[in-house]
Amino acid sequence: MTAFIPKYLRFLTFLMVFVCVQPIVAGRPKVGLVLGGGGAKGAAEVGVLKVIEEAGIPIDYVAGTSIGAIVGGLYATGYTAAELDSIFRQQDWIPLLTDRREDLMQVPYREIDGIVYLFGFPVYDINRESHGRIGALKGNRVETLIDSLMGVRGMNEFSLLKRPFSCVACDLRTGSEVILDDGIPAQAMRASMAIPGVFKPVRRDSLLLLDGGMANNLPVDLVRRMGADIVIAIDLQQNEVEVHKKRDLSLLHLVADPLGIGGLVRWAGERPDIDKYLDNRQHCDLYLHPRLDGYDVTSFGTASVAHMLQLGEEEGRRHWDDLLRLKALIDNE
């Protein structure tokens, strides 16, 4: 893997450069927050956010991918880290993410309106469109939850959010990155987390959108374009990049079918997301990487979520001095 400059040296270099250019900078520097993808590991992002808030760091722009889009979108709505902590702890994630029907949980097999359920899990939709073969789950319940959480605060449009927010998805047909920053946030956040082979893609105009982690799992470049001078990035990947380039094309049995989906086939063969991830990781100003060994994208159990929240907070504490230096820099402008 590419060698990285030690985090404290990178941060000190940024401070020195920023101080030198201050004569041409008007007002305080704008801070961008980047939240990476990682499924259930997103709980750790909330733990880090609690420490960032405690340090008094103002967040001006938010960009996220997959679970980072959900955490980031709710944060941009105005939810505090403490409120997000409660949401993660109290939510029954498995039924939410799988669209499981509680009234069928004890029923081995049932077909209703063309949908086949096994013990309440929707496993096949007889009436689905051809592109529906890409994923079994609709993701309706999670989108409904997000929409309701944002609707309670009257923020069902990007333009109404308290902080500028963008998230990333991937176009099914071309494998290219798609930036979502207008329209209905809940739909954009649902598209950003549409894991191929699990969730159905989200249709947006002429596009079919899948999980943004396939294109840009740590969108530092995006938040820079939004206007951030300083970027704080929370990365959830755990030694996964080293093996990505050695992987076979096992993903293809999930996404390749008689339709001939060229975009995803090219993506699986070329993995352009890896180079972008490595580049973005080097170009943030404060890099936070919670240690989440033993956890993966599916670790949504109550005890696991609670522990990852704690591990995220511990990572924030390890960077407490960096956060205080950043706060002092901002306050002096």
C-alpha atoms as a PDB file:
ATOM      1  CA  MET A   1       0.000   0.000   0.000  1.00  0.00           C
ATOM      2  CA  THR A   2       1.105   3.550  -0.601  1.00  0.00           C
ATOM      3  CA  ALA A   3       3.085   4.901   2.346  1.00  0.00           C
ATOM      4  CA  PHE A   4       1.392   7.788   4.072  1.00  0.00           C
ATOM      5  CA  ILE A   5       2.988  10.763   5.772  1.00  0.00           C
ATOM      6  CA  PRO A   6       2.542  10.388   9.550  1.00  0.00           C
ATOM      7  CA  LYS A   7      -0.725  12.023  10.503  1.00  0.00           C
ATOM      8  CA  TYR A   8       0.736  14.521  12.935  1.00  0.00           C
ATOM      9  CA  LEU A   9       3.324  15.713  10.391  1.00  0.00           C
ATOM     10  CA  ARG A  10       0.661  16.113   7.719  1.00  0.00           C
ATOM     11  CA  PHE A  11      -1.488  18.111  10.117  1.00  0.00           C
ATOM     12  CA  LEU A  12       1.393  20.363  11.222  1.00  0.00           C
ATOM     13  CA  THR A  13       2.366  20.938   7.584  1.00  0.00           C
ATOM     14  CA  PHE A  14      -1.193  22.033   6.846  1.00  0.00           C
ATOM     15  CA  LEU A  15      -1.147  24.483   9.761  1.00  0.00           C
ATOM     16  CA  MET A  16       2.124  26.026   8.603  1.00  0.00           C
ATOM     17  CA  VAL A  17       0.932  26.418   5.012  1.00  0.00           C
ATOM     18  CA  PHE A  18      -2.429  27.815   6.076  1.00  0.00           C
ATOM     19  CA  VAL A  19      -0.850  30.410   8.355  1.00  0.00           C
ATOM     20  CA  CYS A  20       1.470  31.508   5.533  1.00  0.00           C
ATOM     21  CA  VAL A  21      -1.390  32.154   3.117  1.00  0.00           C
ATOM     22  CA  GLN A  22      -3.648  33.909   5.599  1.00  0.00           C
ATOM     23  CA  PRO A  23      -3.085  37.396   4.129  1.00  0.00           C
ATOM     24  CA  ILE A  24      -5.096  36.354   1.045  1.00  0.00           C
ATOM     25  CA  VAL A  25      -7.812  34.490   2.919  1.00  0.00           C
ATOM     26  CA  ALA A  26     -10.923  36.372   4.008  1.00  0.00           C
ATOM     27  CA  GLY A  27     -12.783  35.208   7.114  1.00  0.00           C
ATOM     28  CA  ARG A  28     -12.264  32.023   9.046  1.00  0.00           C
ATOM     29  CA  PRO A  29     -11.409  28.832   7.136  1.00  0.00           C
ATOM     30  CA  LYS A  30     -14.391  26.672   6.194  1.00  0.00           C
ATOM     31  CA  VAL A  31     -14.394  23.139   7.574  1.00  0.00           C
ATOM     32  CA  GLY A  32     -15.615  20.145   5.599  1.00  0.00           C
ATOM     33  CA  LEU A  33     -16.559  16.791   7.155  1.00  0.00           C
ATOM     34  CA  VAL A  34     -16.172  13.586   5.125  1.00  0.00           C
ATOM     35  CA  LEU A  35     -17.860  10.378   6.278  1.00  0.00           C
ATOM     36  CA  GLY A  36     -16.763   7.174   4.580  1.00  0.00           C
ATOM     37  CA  GLY A  37     -18.821   4.093   3.799  1.00  0.00           C
ATOM     38  CA  GLY A  38     -18.756   0.894   5.816  1.00  0.00           C
ATOM     39  CA  GLY A  39     -22.233  -0.378   6.699  1.00  0.00           C
ATOM     40  CA  ALA A  40     -22.728  -1.013  10.389  1.00  0.00           C
ATOM     41  CA  LYS A  41     -19.296   0.470  11.104  1.00  0.00           C
ATOM     42  CA  GLY A  42     -20.910   3.872  10.598  1.00  0.00           C
ATOM     43  CA  ALA A  43     -21.702   3.787  14.314  1.00  0.00           C
ATOM     44  CA  ALA A  44     -18.038   4.645  14.893  1.00  0.00           C
ATOM     45  CA  GLU A  45     -18.470   7.842  12.876  1.00  0.00           C
ATOM     46  CA  VAL A  46     -21.067   8.984  15.377  1.00  0.00           C
ATOM     47  CA  GLY A  47     -18.620   8.309  18.211  1.00  0.00           C
ATOM     48  CA  VAL A  48     -15.979  10.459  16.518  1.00  0.00           C
ATOM     49  CA  LEU A  49     -18.535  13.217  15.910  1.00  0.00           C
ATOM     50  CA  LYS A  50     -19.239  13.417  19.645  1.00  0.00           C
ATOM     51  CA  VAL A  51     -15.592  14.353  20.248  1.00  0.00           C
ATOM     52  CA  ILE A  52     -15.489  16.794  17.317  1.00  0.00           C
ATOM     53  CA  GLU A  53     -18.507  18.568  18.791  1.00  0.00           C
ATOM     54  CA  GLU A  54     -16.946  18.571  22.252  1.00  0.00           C
ATOM     55  CA  ALA A  55     -13.855  20.266  20.808  1.00  0.00           C
ATOM     56  CA  GLY A  56     -16.110  22.976  19.373  1.00  0.00           C
ATOM     57  CA  ILE A  57     -15.154  22.476  15.731  1.00  0.00           C
ATOM     58  CA  PRO A  58     -17.689  24.167  13.398  1.00  0.00           C
ATOM     59  CA  ILE A  59     -18.715  22.053  10.399  1.00  0.00           C
ATOM     60  CA  ASP A  60     -19.596  24.042   7.268  1.00  0.00           C
ATOM     61  CA  TYR A  61     -19.885  21.299   4.629  1.00  0.00           C
ATOM     62  CA  VAL A  62     -20.699  17.585   4.811  1.00  0.00           C
ATOM     63  CA  ALA A  63     -20.060  14.848   2.235  1.00  0.00           C
ATOM     64  CA  GLY A  64     -20.646  11.140   2.708  1.00  0.00           C
ATOM     65  CA  THR A  65     -20.882   7.755   1.056  1.00  0.00           C
ATOM     66  CA  SER A  66     -23.201   4.846   1.888  1.00  0.00           C
ATOM     67  CA  ILE A  67     -23.667   4.730   5.697  1.00  0.00           C
ATOM     68  CA  GLY A  68     -21.606   7.936   5.752  1.00  0.00           C
ATOM     69  CA  ALA A  69     -24.300   9.504   3.577  1.00  0.00           C
ATOM     70  CA  ILE A  70     -26.952   8.544   6.127  1.00  0.00           C
ATOM     71  CA  VAL A  71     -24.955   9.834   9.104  1.00  0.00           C
ATOM     72  CA  GLY A  72     -23.891  12.924   7.153  1.00  0.00           C
ATOM     73  CA  GLY A  73     -27.356  13.706   5.845  1.00  0.00           C
ATOM     74  CA  LEU A  74     -28.890  13.543   9.302  1.00  0.00           C
ATOM     75  CA  TYR A  75     -26.037  15.642  10.705  1.00  0.00           C
ATOM     76  CA  ALA A  76     -26.607  18.219   7.971  1.00  0.00           C
ATOM     77  CA  THR A  77     -30.270  18.253   8.980  1.00  0.00           C
ATOM     78  CA  GLY A  78     -29.277  19.391  12.444  1.00  0.00           C
ATOM     79  CA  TYR A  79     -29.204  16.170  14.457  1.00  0.00           C
ATOM     80  CA  THR A  80     -26.476  16.302  17.090  1.00  0.00           C
ATOM     81  CA  ALA A  81     -23.991  13.498  17.676  1.00  0.00           C
ATOM     82  CA  ALA A  82     -25.849  12.609  20.898  1.00  0.00           C
ATOM     83  CA  GLU A  83     -29.122  12.294  18.968  1.00  0.00           C
ATOM     84  CA  LEU A  84     -27.451  10.158  16.304  1.00  0.00           C
ATOM     85  CA  ASP A  85     -26.034   7.993  19.088  1.00  0.00           C
ATOM     86  CA  SER A  86     -29.569   7.361  20.340  1.00  0.00           C
ATOM     87  CA  ILE A  87     -30.818   6.556  16.839  1.00  0.00           C
ATOM     88  CA  PHE A  88     -28.075   3.955  16.341  1.00  0.00           C
ATOM     89  CA  ARG A  89     -28.648   2.347  19.737  1.00  0.00           C
ATOM     90  CA  GLN A  90     -32.444   2.237  19.581  1.00  0.00           C
ATOM     91  CA  GLN A  91     -33.005   1.181  15.973  1.00  0.00           C
ATOM     92  CA  ASP A  92     -33.756  -2.467  15.171  1.00  0.00           C
ATOM     93  CA  TRP A  93     -31.500  -2.518  12.132  1.00  0.00           C
ATOM     94  CA  ILE A  94     -32.036  -6.001  10.695  1.00  0.00           C
ATOM     95  CA  PRO A  95     -35.794  -5.667   9.947  1.00  0.00           C
ATOM     96  CA  LEU A  96     -35.180  -2.087   8.804  1.00  0.00           C
ATOM     97  CA  LEU A  97     -32.502  -2.950   6.250  1.00  0.00           C
ATOM     98  CA  THR A  98     -34.071  -6.184   5.028  1.00  0.00           C
ATOM     99  CA  ASP A  99     -37.671  -4.924   4.670  1.00  0.00           C
ATOM    100  CA  ARG A 100     -38.701  -7.898   6.820  1.00  0.00           C
ATOM    101  CA  ARG A 101     -42.413  -8.115   7.597  1.00  0.00           C
ATOM    102  CA  GLU A 102     -42.943  -8.731  11.290  1.00  0.00           C
ATOM    103  CA  ASP A 103     -46.356 -10.340  10.680  1.00  0.00           C
ATOM    104  CA  LEU A 104     -44.677 -13.089   8.619  1.00  0.00           C
ATOM    105  CA  MET A 105     -41.669 -13.777  10.829  1.00  0.00           C
ATOM    106  CA  GLN A 106     -43.034 -17.196  11.835  1.00  0.00           C
ATOM    107  CA  VAL A 107     -44.262 -18.148   8.355  1.00  0.00           C
ATOM    108  CA  PRO A 108     -41.838 -20.332   6.343  1.00  0.00           C
ATOM    109  CA  TYR A 109     -43.248 -19.339   2.926  1.00  0.00           C
ATOM    110  CA  ARG A 110     -45.795 -16.830   1.701  1.00  0.00           C
ATOM    111  CA  GLU A 111     -46.459 -15.080  -1.622  1.00  0.00           C
ATOM    112  CA  ILE A 112     -48.243 -11.715  -1.446  1.00  0.00           C
ATOM    113  CA  ASP A 113     -48.777  -9.438  -4.436  1.00  0.00           C
ATOM    114  CA  GLY A 114     -46.076 -11.224  -6.390  1.00  0.00           C
ATOM    115  CA  ILE A 115     -43.477 -11.017  -3.616  1.00  0.00           C
ATOM    116  CA  VAL A 116     -42.167 -14.260  -2.126  1.00  0.00           C
ATOM    117  CA  TYR A 117     -41.386 -14.146   1.613  1.00  0.00           C
ATOM    118  CA  LEU A 118     -39.360 -16.655   3.621  1.00  0.00           C
ATOM    119  CA  PHE A 119     -39.920 -16.131   7.349  1.00  0.00           C
ATOM    120  CA  GLY A 120     -40.842 -12.538   6.540  1.00  0.00           C
ATOM    121  CA  PHE A 121     -37.796 -11.735   4.394  1.00  0.00           C
ATOM    122  CA  PRO A 122     -38.651 -10.662   0.810  1.00  0.00           C
ATOM    123  CA  VAL A 123     -36.518 -12.926  -1.373  1.00  0.00           C
ATOM    124  CA  TYR A 124     -38.091 -12.608  -4.804  1.00  0.00           C
ATOM    125  CA  ASP A 125     -40.363 -10.169  -6.611  1.00  0.00           C
ATOM    126  CA  ILE A 126     -42.164 -11.861  -9.496  1.00  0.00           C
ATOM    127  CA  ASN A 127     -43.283  -8.541 -10.954  1.00  0.00           C
ATOM    128  CA  ARG A 128     -40.029  -6.647 -10.690  1.00  0.00           C
ATOM    129  CA  GLU A 129     -38.426  -4.960 -13.677  1.00  0.00           C
ATOM    130  CA  SER A 130     -35.420  -6.588 -15.270  1.00  0.00           C
ATOM    131  CA  HIS A 131     -32.954  -4.282 -13.468  1.00  0.00           C
ATOM    132  CA  GLY A 132     -34.473  -5.505 -10.226  1.00  0.00           C
ATOM    133  CA  ARG A 133     -32.408  -8.666 -10.534  1.00  0.00           C
ATOM    134  CA  ILE A 134     -29.429  -6.616  -9.365  1.00  0.00           C
ATOM    135  CA  GLY A 135     -30.707  -6.672  -5.792  1.00  0.00           C
ATOM    136  CA  ALA A 136     -33.403  -8.418  -3.822  1.00  0.00           C
ATOM    137  CA  LEU A 137     -34.301  -5.776  -1.251  1.00  0.00           C
ATOM    138  CA  LYS A 138     -36.167  -2.578  -2.028  1.00  0.00           C
ATOM    139  CA  GLY A 139     -34.824  -0.561   0.928  1.00  0.00           C
ATOM    140  CA  ASN A 140     -38.213   1.099   1.378  1.00  0.00           C
ATOM    141  CA  ARG A 141     -38.213   0.956   5.161  1.00  0.00           C
ATOM    142  CA  VAL A 142     -34.820   2.578   5.609  1.00  0.00           C
ATOM    143  CA  GLU A 143     -35.747   5.330   3.135  1.00  0.00           C
ATOM    144  CA  THR A 144     -39.021   5.879   4.999  1.00  0.00           C
ATOM    145  CA  LEU A 145     -37.162   6.143   8.311  1.00  0.00           C
ATOM    146  CA  ILE A 146     -34.664   8.653   6.927  1.00  0.00           C
ATOM    147  CA  ASP A 147     -37.418  10.694   5.314  1.00  0.00           C
ATOM    148  CA  SER A 148     -39.391  10.790   8.562  1.00  0.00           C
ATOM    149  CA  LEU A 149     -36.347  11.800  10.619  1.00  0.00           C
ATOM    150  CA  MET A 150     -35.671  14.656   8.233  1.00  0.00           C
ATOM    151  CA  GLY A 151     -39.344  15.510   7.802  1.00  0.00           C
ATOM    152  CA  VAL A 152     -39.811  16.009  11.535  1.00  0.00           C
ATOM    153  CA  ARG A 153     -37.446  18.952  11.162  1.00  0.00           C
ATOM    154  CA  GLY A 154     -39.057  20.165   7.950  1.00  0.00           C
ATOM    155  CA  MET A 155     -36.023  19.366   5.796  1.00  0.00           C
ATOM    156  CA  ASN A 156     -37.149  17.113   2.969  1.00  0.00           C
ATOM    157  CA  GLU A 157     -35.212  19.110   0.368  1.00  0.00           C
ATOM    158  CA  PHE A 158     -31.456  19.579   0.003  1.00  0.00           C
ATOM    159  CA  SER A 159     -31.967  23.332  -0.162  1.00  0.00           C
ATOM    160  CA  LEU A 160     -33.511  23.351   3.327  1.00  0.00           C
ATOM    161  CA  LEU A 161     -30.665  21.585   5.147  1.00  0.00           C
ATOM    162  CA  LYS A 162     -28.789  23.467   7.863  1.00  0.00           C
ATOM    163  CA  ARG A 163     -25.440  22.551   6.331  1.00  0.00           C
ATOM    164  CA  PRO A 164     -24.596  22.028   2.647  1.00  0.00           C
ATOM    165  CA  PHE A 165     -24.563  18.277   2.050  1.00  0.00           C
ATOM    166  CA  SER A 166     -23.658  16.005  -0.864  1.00  0.00           C
ATOM    167  CA  CYS A 167     -23.443  12.250  -1.198  1.00  0.00           C
ATOM    168  CA  VAL A 168     -22.062   9.821  -3.750  1.00  0.00           C
ATOM    169  CA  ALA A 169     -23.686   7.045  -5.774  1.00  0.00           C
ATOM    170  CA  CYS A 170     -22.514   4.903  -8.691  1.00  0.00           C
ATOM    171  CA  ASP A 171     -24.299   4.567 -12.051  1.00  0.00           C
ATOM    172  CA  LEU A 172     -25.168   0.938 -12.744  1.00  0.00           C
ATOM    173  CA  ARG A 173     -24.713   1.143 -16.498  1.00  0.00           C
ATOM    174  CA  THR A 174     -21.409   3.026 -16.679  1.00  0.00           C
ATOM    175  CA  GLY A 175     -19.808   2.441 -13.273  1.00  0.00           C
ATOM    176  CA  SER A 176     -19.190   6.184 -12.994  1.00  0.00           C
ATOM    177  CA  GLU A 177     -19.497   8.392  -9.925  1.00  0.00           C
ATOM    178  CA  VAL A 178     -22.714  10.389  -9.486  1.00  0.00           C
ATOM    179  CA  ILE A 179     -22.902  13.345  -7.081  1.00  0.00           C
ATOM    180  CA  LEU A 180     -26.281  13.801  -5.399  1.00  0.00           C
ATOM    181  CA  ASP A 181     -26.917  17.265  -3.993  1.00  0.00           C
ATOM    182  CA  ASP A 182     -30.445  18.238  -4.998  1.00  0.00           C
ATOM    183  CA  GLY A 183     -33.987  16.925  -4.762  1.00  0.00           C
ATOM    184  CA  ILE A 184     -35.076  14.676  -1.887  1.00  0.00           C
ATOM    185  CA  PRO A 185     -32.215  13.851   0.530  1.00  0.00           C
ATOM    186  CA  ALA A 186     -33.721  10.564   1.743  1.00  0.00           C
ATOM    187  CA  GLN A 187     -33.809   9.191  -1.794  1.00  0.00           C
ATOM    188  CA  ALA A 188     -30.223  10.287  -2.413  1.00  0.00           C
ATOM    189  CA  MET A 189     -29.051   8.703   0.834  1.00  0.00           C
ATOM    190  CA  ARG A 190     -30.894   5.466  -0.032  1.00  0.00           C
ATOM    191  CA  ALA A 191     -29.184   5.423  -3.448  1.00  0.00           C
ATOM    192  CA  SER A 192     -25.772   5.962  -1.858  1.00  0.00           C
ATOM    193  CA  MET A 193     -26.232   2.809   0.271  1.00  0.00           C
ATOM    194  CA  ALA A 194     -27.663   0.507  -2.437  1.00  0.00           C
ATOM    195  CA  ILE A 195     -25.157  -2.339  -2.063  1.00  0.00           C
ATOM    196  CA  PRO A 196     -25.070  -4.297  -5.352  1.00  0.00           C
ATOM    197  CA  GLY A 197     -26.559  -7.756  -5.059  1.00  0.00           C
ATOM    198  CA  VAL A 198     -28.409  -6.743  -1.891  1.00  0.00           C
ATOM    199  CA  PHE A 199     -30.503  -3.621  -2.560  1.00  0.00           C
ATOM    200  CA  LYS A 200     -32.284  -2.689  -5.742  1.00  0.00           C
ATOM    201  CA  PRO A 201     -30.779   0.278  -7.565  1.00  0.00           C
ATOM    202  CA  VAL A 202     -32.531   3.623  -7.285  1.00  0.00           C
ATOM    203  CA  ARG A 203     -33.832   5.149 -10.512  1.00  0.00           C
ATOM    204  CA  ARG A 204     -33.059   8.854 -10.898  1.00  0.00           C
ATOM    205  CA  ASP A 205     -33.887  10.331 -14.277  1.00  0.00           C
ATOM    206  CA  SER A 206     -32.066   8.072 -16.765  1.00  0.00           C
ATOM    207  CA  LEU A 207     -29.675   6.663 -14.158  1.00  0.00           C
ATOM    208  CA  LEU A 208     -29.812   3.494 -12.056  1.00  0.00           C
ATOM    209  CA  LEU A 209     -27.862   4.221  -8.887  1.00  0.00           C
ATOM    210  CA  LEU A 210     -25.930   1.847  -6.645  1.00  0.00           C
ATOM    211  CA  ASP A 211     -23.748   2.186  -3.546  1.00  0.00           C
ATOM    212  CA  GLY A 212     -21.392   5.149  -3.754  1.00  0.00           C
ATOM    213  CA  GLY A 213     -18.565   3.132  -2.227  1.00  0.00           C
ATOM    214  CA  MET A 214     -18.058   1.601  -5.653  1.00  0.00           C
ATOM    215  CA  ALA A 215     -16.974   4.994  -6.967  1.00  0.00           C
ATOM    216  CA  ASN A 216     -15.735   7.152  -4.079  1.00  0.00           C
ATOM    217  CA  ASN A 217     -15.785   5.719  -0.577  1.00  0.00           C
ATOM    218  CA  LEU A 218     -14.024   8.680   1.090  1.00  0.00           C
ATOM    219  CA  PRO A 219     -15.131  11.784  -0.881  1.00  0.00           C
ATOM    220  CA  VAL A 220     -12.520  14.307   0.250  1.00  0.00           C
ATOM    221  CA  ASP A 221     -12.359  15.722  -3.282  1.00  0.00           C
ATOM    222  CA  LEU A 222     -16.109  16.320  -3.224  1.00  0.00           C
ATOM    223  CA  VAL A 223     -16.131  18.359  -0.015  1.00  0.00           C
ATOM    224  CA  ARG A 224     -13.179  20.385  -1.344  1.00  0.00           C
ATOM    225  CA  ARG A 225     -15.251  21.278  -4.404  1.00  0.00           C
ATOM    226  CA  MET A 226     -18.091  22.283  -2.110  1.00  0.00           C
ATOM    227  CA  GLY A 227     -15.841  24.975  -0.628  1.00  0.00           C
ATOM    228  CA  ALA A 228     -14.008  23.426   2.334  1.00  0.00           C
ATOM    229  CA  ASP A 229     -10.580  24.861   3.223  1.00  0.00           C
ATOM    230  CA  ILE A 230      -9.957  22.283   5.942  1.00  0.00           C
ATOM    231  CA  VAL A 231     -11.123  18.664   5.628  1.00  0.00           C
ATOM    232  CA  ILE A 232     -11.720  16.226   8.478  1.00  0.00           C
ATOM    233  CA  ALA A 233     -12.191  12.694   7.164  1.00  0.00           C
ATOM    234  CA  ILE A 234     -13.489   9.657   9.070  1.00  0.00           C
ATOM    235  CA  ASP A 235     -12.472   6.445   7.305  1.00  0.00           C
ATOM    236  CA  LEU A 236     -14.130   3.126   8.176  1.00  0.00           C
ATOM    237  CA  GLN A 237     -12.120   0.815   5.921  1.00  0.00           C
ATOM    238  CA  GLN A 238     -10.159  -1.804   7.852  1.00  0.00           C
ATOM    239  CA  ASN A 239      -7.171  -3.109   5.868  1.00  0.00           C
ATOM    240  CA  GLU A 240      -9.513  -3.853   2.968  1.00  0.00           C
ATOM    241  CA  VAL A 241      -7.682  -1.970   0.238  1.00  0.00           C
ATOM    242  CA  GLU A 242      -4.655  -4.277   0.340  1.00  0.00           C
ATOM    243  CA  VAL A 243      -6.750  -7.211  -0.849  1.00  0.00           C
ATOM    244  CA  HIS A 244      -9.002  -5.392  -3.314  1.00  0.00           C
ATOM    245  CA  LYS A 245      -6.540  -5.527  -6.190  1.00  0.00           C
ATOM    246  CA  LYS A 246      -5.972  -9.242  -5.594  1.00  0.00           C
ATOM    247  CA  ARG A 247      -9.658 -10.121  -5.562  1.00  0.00           C
ATOM    248  CA  ASP A 248     -11.150 -12.259  -8.279  1.00  0.00           C
ATOM    249  CA  LEU A 249     -14.302 -11.064  -9.971  1.00  0.00           C
ATOM    250  CA  SER A 250     -16.554 -12.833  -7.494  1.00  0.00           C
ATOM    251  CA  LEU A 251     -18.833  -9.795  -7.482  1.00  0.00           C
ATOM    252  CA  LEU A 252     -19.839 -10.622 -11.030  1.00  0.00           C
ATOM    253  CA  HIS A 253     -22.080 -13.512 -10.014  1.00  0.00           C
ATOM    254  CA  LEU A 254     -24.172 -10.915  -8.185  1.00  0.00           C
ATOM    255  CA  VAL A 255     -24.364  -8.292 -10.889  1.00  0.00           C
ATOM    256  CA  ALA A 256     -23.721  -9.877 -14.288  1.00  0.00           C
ATOM    257  CA  ASP A 257     -26.756 -11.396 -15.952  1.00  0.00           C
ATOM    258  CA  PRO A 258     -28.170 -11.734 -19.487  1.00  0.00           C
ATOM    259  CA  LEU A 259     -28.605  -7.950 -19.617  1.00  0.00           C
ATOM    260  CA  GLY A 260     -24.854  -7.528 -20.148  1.00  0.00           C
ATOM    261  CA  ILE A 261     -24.217  -4.743 -17.618  1.00  0.00           C
ATOM    262  CA  GLY A 262     -20.987  -3.331 -18.991  1.00  0.00           C
ATOM    263  CA  GLY A 263     -20.453  -0.650 -16.378  1.00  0.00           C
ATOM    264  CA  LEU A 264     -20.266  -3.006 -13.429  1.00  0.00           C
ATOM    265  CA  VAL A 265     -18.177  -5.540 -15.322  1.00  0.00           C
ATOM    266  CA  ARG A 266     -15.622  -2.840 -16.119  1.00  0.00           C
ATOM    267  CA  TRP A 267     -15.743  -1.626 -12.526  1.00  0.00           C
ATOM    268  CA  ALA A 268     -15.029  -5.104 -11.125  1.00  0.00           C
ATOM    269  CA  GLY A 269     -12.115  -5.545 -13.497  1.00  0.00           C
ATOM    270  CA  GLU A 270     -10.512  -2.118 -13.086  1.00  0.00           C
ATOM    271  CA  ARG A 271     -11.518  -1.041  -9.542  1.00  0.00           C
ATOM    272  CA  PRO A 272     -11.052   2.728 -10.172  1.00  0.00           C
ATOM    273  CA  ASP A 273     -12.381   3.401  -6.683  1.00  0.00           C
ATOM    274  CA  ILE A 274      -9.159   2.161  -5.087  1.00  0.00           C
ATOM    275  CA  ASP A 275      -6.884   4.817  -6.567  1.00  0.00           C
ATOM    276  CA  LYS A 276      -9.399   7.535  -5.720  1.00  0.00           C
ATOM    277  CA  TYR A 277      -9.655   6.274  -2.144  1.00  0.00           C
ATOM    278  CA  LEU A 278      -5.874   6.259  -1.711  1.00  0.00           C
ATOM    279  CA  ASP A 279      -5.568   9.753  -3.169  1.00  0.00           C
ATOM    280  CA  ASN A 280      -8.392  11.168  -1.037  1.00  0.00           C
ATOM    281  CA  ARG A 281      -6.937   9.598   2.077  1.00  0.00           C
ATOM    282  CA  GLN A 282      -3.718  11.546   1.562  1.00  0.00           C
ATOM    283  CA  HIS A 283      -5.401  14.878   0.859  1.00  0.00           C
ATOM    284  CA  CYS A 284      -7.468  15.411   3.973  1.00  0.00           C
ATOM    285  CA  ASP A 285      -6.091  17.622   6.743  1.00  0.00           C
ATOM    286  CA  LEU A 286      -7.185  15.558   9.717  1.00  0.00           C
ATOM    287  CA  TYR A 287      -7.574  11.809   9.156  1.00  0.00           C
ATOM    288  CA  LEU A 288      -9.465   9.746  11.721  1.00  0.00           C
ATOM    289  CA  HIS A 289      -9.483   5.969  11.378  1.00  0.00           C
ATOM    290  CA  PRO A 290     -11.357   4.093  14.130  1.00  0.00           C
ATOM    291  CA  ARG A 291      -9.899   0.684  14.925  1.00  0.00           C
ATOM    292  CA  LEU A 292     -12.756  -1.691  14.192  1.00  0.00           C
ATOM    293  CA  ASP A 293     -11.066  -5.068  13.843  1.00  0.00           C
ATOM    294  CA  GLY A 294     -13.587  -7.884  14.037  1.00  0.00           C
ATOM    295  CA  TYR A 295     -16.493  -5.792  12.787  1.00  0.00           C
ATOM    296  CA  ASP A 296     -17.866  -5.595   9.261  1.00  0.00           C
ATOM    297  CA  VAL A 297     -20.694  -4.013   7.278  1.00  0.00           C
ATOM    298  CA  THR A 298     -23.253  -6.404   8.783  1.00  0.00           C
ATOM    299  CA  SER A 299     -22.369  -5.956  12.488  1.00  0.00           C
ATOM    300  CA  PHE A 300     -25.694  -4.358  13.421  1.00  0.00           C
ATOM    301  CA  GLY A 301     -26.207  -6.200  16.711  1.00  0.00           C
ATOM    302  CA  THR A 302     -26.999  -4.052  19.738  1.00  0.00           C
ATOM    303  CA  ALA A 303     -23.774  -4.886  21.563  1.00  0.00           C
ATOM    304  CA  SER A 304     -21.671  -4.405  18.414  1.00  0.00           C
ATOM    305  CA  VAL A 305     -23.189  -0.996  17.693  1.00  0.00           C
ATOM    306  CA  ALA A 306     -22.591   0.134  21.281  1.00  0.00           C
ATOM    307  CA  HIS A 307     -18.959  -0.990  21.152  1.00  0.00           C
ATOM    308  CA  MET A 308     -18.310   0.687  17.792  1.00  0.00           C
ATOM    309  CA  LEU A 309     -19.774   3.936  19.117  1.00  0.00           C
ATOM    310  CA  GLN A 310     -17.231   3.673  21.936  1.00  0.00           C
ATOM    311  CA  LEU A 311     -14.355   2.833  19.565  1.00  0.00           C
ATOM    312  CA  GLY A 312     -15.210   5.866  17.454  1.00  0.00           C
ATOM    313  CA  GLU A 313     -15.112   8.103  20.497  1.00  0.00           C
ATOM    314  CA  GLU A 314     -11.757   6.613  21.484  1.00  0.00           C
ATOM    315  CA  GLU A 315     -10.367   7.480  18.041  1.00  0.00           C
ATOM    316  CA  GLY A 316     -11.559  11.053  18.488  1.00  0.00           C
ATOM    317  CA  ARG A 317      -9.820  11.202  21.887  1.00  0.00           C
ATOM    318  CA  ARG A 318      -6.557  10.046  20.293  1.00  0.00           C
ATOM    319  CA  HIS A 319      -6.724  13.157  18.113  1.00  0.00           C
ATOM    320  CA  TRP A 320      -7.852  15.533  20.858  1.00  0.00           C
ATOM    321  CA  ASP A 321      -4.709  17.687  20.635  1.00  0.00           C
ATOM    322  CA  ASP A 322      -5.094  17.951  16.839  1.00  0.00           C
ATOM    323  CA  LEU A 323      -8.704  19.039  17.282  1.00  0.00           C
ATOM    324  CA  LEU A 324      -7.748  21.693  19.824  1.00  0.00           C
ATOM    325  CA  ARG A 325      -5.039  23.068  17.507  1.00  0.00           C
ATOM    326  CA  LEU A 326      -7.584  23.212  14.723  1.00  0.00           C
ATOM    327  CA  LYS A 327     -10.081  24.993  16.974  1.00  0.00           C
ATOM    328  CA  ALA A 328      -7.417  27.546  17.978  1.00  0.00           C
ATOM    329  CA  LEU A 329      -6.597  28.190  14.319  1.00  0.00           C
ATOM    330  CA  ILE A 330     -10.256  28.793  13.498  1.00  0.00           C
ATOM    331  CA  ASP A 331     -10.802  31.048  16.516  1.00  0.00           C
ATOM    332  CA  ASN A 332      -7.819  33.219  15.620  1.00  0.00           C
ATOM    333  CA  GLU A 333      -9.203  34.097  12.192  1.00  0.00           C
END
